[in-house]
């Protein structure tokens, strides 16, 4: 499954808020292919676009850097961090 999350494409199952266990990093994957990441009290610390291919996510930050991660067992592993869904609901 490849999804650029364009408005006319089917949304992927990973859309929503992902947070670290301590709540310090909160990353929202938006249905329009954009993400917004907060760090501590700093809202929108990082913003950019993303693309999901199967269980892999590739990020392109608005500041120019790129990163990637993988979804395994409904957990997002990205840049050495582990994120869980904020609502705790498993991926459909």
N, C-alpha and C. Protein backbone atom coordinates (compact mmCIF):
# COMPACT_ATOMS: atom_id res chain seq x y z
N UNK A 1 0.85 -1.18 0.00
CA UNK A 1 0.00 0.00 0.00
C UNK A 1 0.89 1.23 0.00
N UNK A 2 0.77 2.05 -1.00
CA UNK A 2 1.48 3.32 -1.04
C UNK A 2 0.45 4.41 -0.98
N UNK A 3 0.69 5.38 -0.13
CA UNK A 3 -0.26 6.48 -0.01
C UNK A 3 0.50 7.77 0.15
N UNK A 4 0.25 8.69 -0.76
CA UNK A 4 0.81 10.02 -0.61
C UNK A 4 -0.14 10.89 0.19
N UNK A 5 -1.27 10.32 0.54
CA UNK A 5 -2.28 11.00 1.35
C UNK A 5 -2.87 12.21 0.66
N UNK A 6 -2.90 12.17 -0.66
CA UNK A 6 -3.54 13.25 -1.38
C UNK A 6 -5.02 13.23 -1.05
N UNK A 7 -5.67 14.39 -1.08
CA UNK A 7 -7.08 14.46 -0.72
C UNK A 7 -7.98 13.47 -1.45
N UNK A 8 -7.62 13.07 -2.69
CA UNK A 8 -8.48 12.17 -3.44
C UNK A 8 -8.09 10.70 -3.27
N UNK A 9 -7.04 10.40 -2.48
CA UNK A 9 -6.64 9.01 -2.29
C UNK A 9 -7.25 8.45 -1.01
N UNK A 10 -7.23 7.11 -0.91
CA UNK A 10 -7.73 6.48 0.30
C UNK A 10 -6.77 6.77 1.44
N UNK A 11 -7.29 7.13 2.60
CA UNK A 11 -6.40 7.39 3.73
C UNK A 11 -5.78 6.08 4.24
N UNK A 12 -4.56 6.16 4.71
CA UNK A 12 -3.91 4.98 5.29
C UNK A 12 -4.34 4.84 6.75
N UNK A 13 -4.12 3.70 7.35
CA UNK A 13 -4.61 3.46 8.72
C UNK A 13 -3.80 4.12 9.82
N UNK A 14 -2.72 4.83 9.49
CA UNK A 14 -1.86 5.40 10.52
C UNK A 14 -2.14 6.87 10.82
N UNK A 15 -3.12 7.45 10.18
CA UNK A 15 -3.48 8.85 10.43
C UNK A 15 -3.86 9.01 11.90
N UNK A 16 -3.43 10.11 12.49
CA UNK A 16 -3.79 10.39 13.87
C UNK A 16 -2.59 10.84 14.68
N UNK A 17 -2.78 10.91 16.00
CA UNK A 17 -1.75 11.39 16.91
C UNK A 17 -0.94 10.23 17.46
N UNK A 18 0.37 10.36 17.39
CA UNK A 18 1.33 9.39 17.92
C UNK A 18 2.17 10.10 18.97
N UNK A 19 2.38 9.46 20.11
CA UNK A 19 3.10 10.10 21.22
C UNK A 19 4.14 9.15 21.82
N UNK A 20 5.21 9.74 22.36
CA UNK A 20 6.18 8.95 23.11
C UNK A 20 5.58 8.63 24.48
N UNK A 21 6.13 7.62 25.15
CA UNK A 21 5.59 7.17 26.44
C UNK A 21 5.54 8.30 27.47
N UNK A 22 6.52 9.19 27.43
CA UNK A 22 6.54 10.30 28.40
C UNK A 22 5.72 11.50 27.94
N UNK A 23 5.14 11.42 26.72
CA UNK A 23 4.31 12.50 26.20
C UNK A 23 5.08 13.72 25.72
N UNK A 24 6.41 13.65 25.74
CA UNK A 24 7.22 14.81 25.36
C UNK A 24 7.12 15.11 23.86
N UNK A 25 7.08 14.07 23.03
CA UNK A 25 6.99 14.27 21.59
C UNK A 25 5.62 13.77 21.13
N UNK A 26 4.91 14.64 20.41
CA UNK A 26 3.58 14.34 19.90
C UNK A 26 3.59 14.62 18.40
N UNK A 27 3.37 13.58 17.63
CA UNK A 27 3.43 13.72 16.17
C UNK A 27 2.06 13.39 15.58
N UNK A 28 1.47 14.37 14.93
CA UNK A 28 0.17 14.15 14.31
C UNK A 28 0.35 13.94 12.81
N UNK A 29 -0.11 12.79 12.33
CA UNK A 29 -0.11 12.49 10.90
C UNK A 29 -1.48 12.89 10.36
N UNK A 30 -1.49 13.90 9.53
CA UNK A 30 -2.73 14.46 9.02
C UNK A 30 -3.14 13.76 7.72
N UNK A 31 -4.44 13.73 7.42
CA UNK A 31 -4.90 13.02 6.21
C UNK A 31 -4.46 13.67 4.90
N UNK A 32 -3.97 14.90 4.93
CA UNK A 32 -3.54 15.57 3.70
C UNK A 32 -2.07 15.34 3.38
N UNK A 33 -1.42 14.38 4.09
CA UNK A 33 -0.02 14.08 3.80
C UNK A 33 0.96 14.99 4.52
N UNK A 34 0.48 15.74 5.48
CA UNK A 34 1.33 16.63 6.28
C UNK A 34 1.43 16.07 7.70
N UNK A 35 2.50 16.46 8.39
CA UNK A 35 2.61 16.11 9.80
C UNK A 35 2.95 17.36 10.58
N UNK A 36 2.63 17.32 11.87
CA UNK A 36 2.91 18.42 12.79
C UNK A 36 3.41 17.78 14.08
N UNK A 37 4.64 18.11 14.45
CA UNK A 37 5.25 17.51 15.62
C UNK A 37 5.51 18.55 16.70
N UNK A 38 5.02 18.27 17.90
CA UNK A 38 5.27 19.13 19.06
C UNK A 38 6.31 18.46 19.94
N UNK A 39 7.15 19.27 20.57
CA UNK A 39 8.18 18.78 21.50
C UNK A 39 8.05 19.56 22.79
N UNK A 40 7.65 18.88 23.85
CA UNK A 40 7.43 19.56 25.13
C UNK A 40 6.35 20.62 24.97
N UNK A 41 6.67 21.84 25.35
CA UNK A 41 5.70 22.93 25.23
C UNK A 41 5.80 23.64 23.88
N UNK A 42 6.73 23.22 23.05
CA UNK A 42 6.92 23.85 21.74
C UNK A 42 6.00 23.21 20.71
N UNK A 43 4.91 23.88 20.38
CA UNK A 43 3.98 23.37 19.37
C UNK A 43 4.57 23.59 17.98
N UNK A 44 4.23 22.71 17.07
CA UNK A 44 4.71 22.79 15.69
C UNK A 44 6.23 22.96 15.62
N UNK A 45 6.94 22.20 16.45
CA UNK A 45 8.40 22.25 16.44
C UNK A 45 8.95 21.80 15.09
N UNK A 46 8.29 20.82 14.51
CA UNK A 46 8.64 20.33 13.18
C UNK A 46 7.36 20.11 12.39
N UNK A 47 7.39 20.53 11.14
CA UNK A 47 6.25 20.32 10.25
C UNK A 47 6.79 19.93 8.89
N UNK A 48 5.99 19.21 8.14
CA UNK A 48 6.41 18.82 6.81
C UNK A 48 5.44 17.85 6.18
N UNK A 49 5.92 17.15 5.18
CA UNK A 49 5.08 16.17 4.50
C UNK A 49 5.61 14.77 4.78
N UNK A 50 4.75 13.79 4.52
CA UNK A 50 5.16 12.40 4.71
C UNK A 50 4.48 11.55 3.66
N UNK A 51 5.06 10.37 3.45
CA UNK A 51 4.48 9.39 2.55
C UNK A 51 4.61 8.02 3.20
N UNK A 52 3.52 7.25 3.16
CA UNK A 52 3.50 5.91 3.73
C UNK A 52 3.51 4.90 2.59
N UNK A 53 4.42 3.93 2.67
CA UNK A 53 4.47 2.81 1.75
C UNK A 53 4.44 1.55 2.59
N UNK A 54 3.32 0.85 2.54
CA UNK A 54 3.11 -0.34 3.37
C UNK A 54 3.23 0.06 4.84
N UNK A 55 4.28 -0.36 5.53
CA UNK A 55 4.45 0.00 6.94
C UNK A 55 5.64 0.96 7.14
N UNK A 56 6.13 1.51 6.06
CA UNK A 56 7.28 2.45 6.12
C UNK A 56 6.77 3.87 5.92
N UNK A 57 7.32 4.81 6.69
CA UNK A 57 6.96 6.22 6.54
C UNK A 57 8.22 7.02 6.24
N UNK A 58 8.13 7.90 5.25
CA UNK A 58 9.23 8.79 4.88
C UNK A 58 8.77 10.22 5.11
N UNK A 59 9.60 10.98 5.81
CA UNK A 59 9.29 12.37 6.15
C UNK A 59 10.17 13.32 5.35
N UNK A 60 9.61 14.46 4.97
CA UNK A 60 10.35 15.57 4.37
C UNK A 60 9.96 16.81 5.15
N UNK A 61 10.84 17.25 6.04
CA UNK A 61 10.54 18.39 6.88
C UNK A 61 10.60 19.68 6.08
N UNK A 62 9.81 20.65 6.48
CA UNK A 62 9.78 21.94 5.79
C UNK A 62 11.14 22.65 5.83
N UNK A 63 11.98 22.32 6.81
CA UNK A 63 13.30 22.95 6.92
C UNK A 63 14.33 22.28 6.00
N UNK A 64 13.95 21.16 5.36
CA UNK A 64 14.83 20.54 4.38
C UNK A 64 15.40 19.18 4.75
N UNK A 65 15.31 18.75 6.00
CA UNK A 65 15.86 17.44 6.31
C UNK A 65 14.83 16.35 6.04
N UNK A 66 15.33 15.13 5.88
CA UNK A 66 14.46 13.99 5.66
C UNK A 66 14.72 12.94 6.74
N UNK A 67 13.73 12.11 6.99
CA UNK A 67 13.84 11.05 7.98
C UNK A 67 12.86 9.95 7.59
N UNK A 68 12.95 8.83 8.29
CA UNK A 68 12.02 7.75 8.01
C UNK A 68 11.76 6.95 9.27
N UNK A 69 10.77 6.08 9.17
CA UNK A 69 10.41 5.22 10.29
C UNK A 69 9.60 4.05 9.81
N UNK A 70 9.24 3.19 10.75
CA UNK A 70 8.48 1.99 10.42
C UNK A 70 7.42 1.75 11.49
N UNK A 71 6.28 1.26 11.04
CA UNK A 71 5.20 0.84 11.93
C UNK A 71 5.34 -0.66 12.13
N UNK A 72 5.47 -1.09 13.39
CA UNK A 72 5.55 -2.51 13.71
C UNK A 72 4.62 -2.79 14.88
N UNK A 73 3.68 -3.69 14.68
CA UNK A 73 2.74 -4.05 15.75
C UNK A 73 2.05 -2.83 16.33
N UNK A 74 1.60 -1.94 15.45
CA UNK A 74 0.89 -0.71 15.82
C UNK A 74 1.72 0.22 16.71
N UNK A 75 3.03 0.18 16.50
CA UNK A 75 3.96 1.08 17.18
C UNK A 75 4.80 1.73 16.09
N UNK A 76 5.00 3.05 16.19
CA UNK A 76 5.82 3.78 15.23
C UNK A 76 7.24 3.91 15.79
N UNK A 77 8.21 3.39 15.04
CA UNK A 77 9.62 3.51 15.39
C UNK A 77 10.22 4.54 14.44
N UNK A 78 10.68 5.65 14.99
CA UNK A 78 11.15 6.76 14.17
C UNK A 78 12.28 7.49 14.89
N UNK A 79 13.43 7.57 14.24
CA UNK A 79 14.58 8.34 14.73
C UNK A 79 14.99 7.97 16.16
N UNK A 80 14.94 6.69 16.48
CA UNK A 80 15.33 6.25 17.81
C UNK A 80 14.24 6.38 18.86
N UNK A 81 13.09 6.87 18.47
CA UNK A 81 11.96 7.03 19.40
C UNK A 81 10.90 5.97 19.12
N UNK A 82 10.09 5.71 20.13
CA UNK A 82 8.97 4.77 20.01
C UNK A 82 7.70 5.56 20.31
N UNK A 83 6.77 5.53 19.36
CA UNK A 83 5.51 6.25 19.47
C UNK A 83 4.34 5.27 19.53
N UNK A 84 3.37 5.61 20.36
CA UNK A 84 2.13 4.83 20.43
C UNK A 84 0.97 5.76 20.07
N UNK A 85 -0.12 5.16 19.63
CA UNK A 85 -1.30 5.97 19.33
C UNK A 85 -1.75 6.67 20.60
N UNK A 86 -2.13 7.92 20.46
CA UNK A 86 -2.61 8.67 21.61
C UNK A 86 -3.88 8.06 22.19
N UNK A 87 -4.77 7.59 21.32
CA UNK A 87 -6.04 7.04 21.80
C UNK A 87 -5.93 5.59 22.21
N UNK A 88 -4.79 4.97 21.97
CA UNK A 88 -4.58 3.58 22.37
C UNK A 88 -5.31 2.56 21.51
N UNK A 89 -6.06 3.02 20.51
CA UNK A 89 -6.81 2.11 19.65
C UNK A 89 -5.88 1.49 18.62
N UNK A 90 -6.00 0.19 18.38
CA UNK A 90 -5.15 -0.44 17.37
C UNK A 90 -5.52 0.00 15.96
N UNK A 91 -4.55 -0.12 15.07
CA UNK A 91 -4.80 0.18 13.67
C UNK A 91 -5.83 -0.79 13.11
N UNK A 92 -6.83 -0.28 12.39
CA UNK A 92 -7.85 -1.18 11.81
C UNK A 92 -7.25 -2.16 10.83
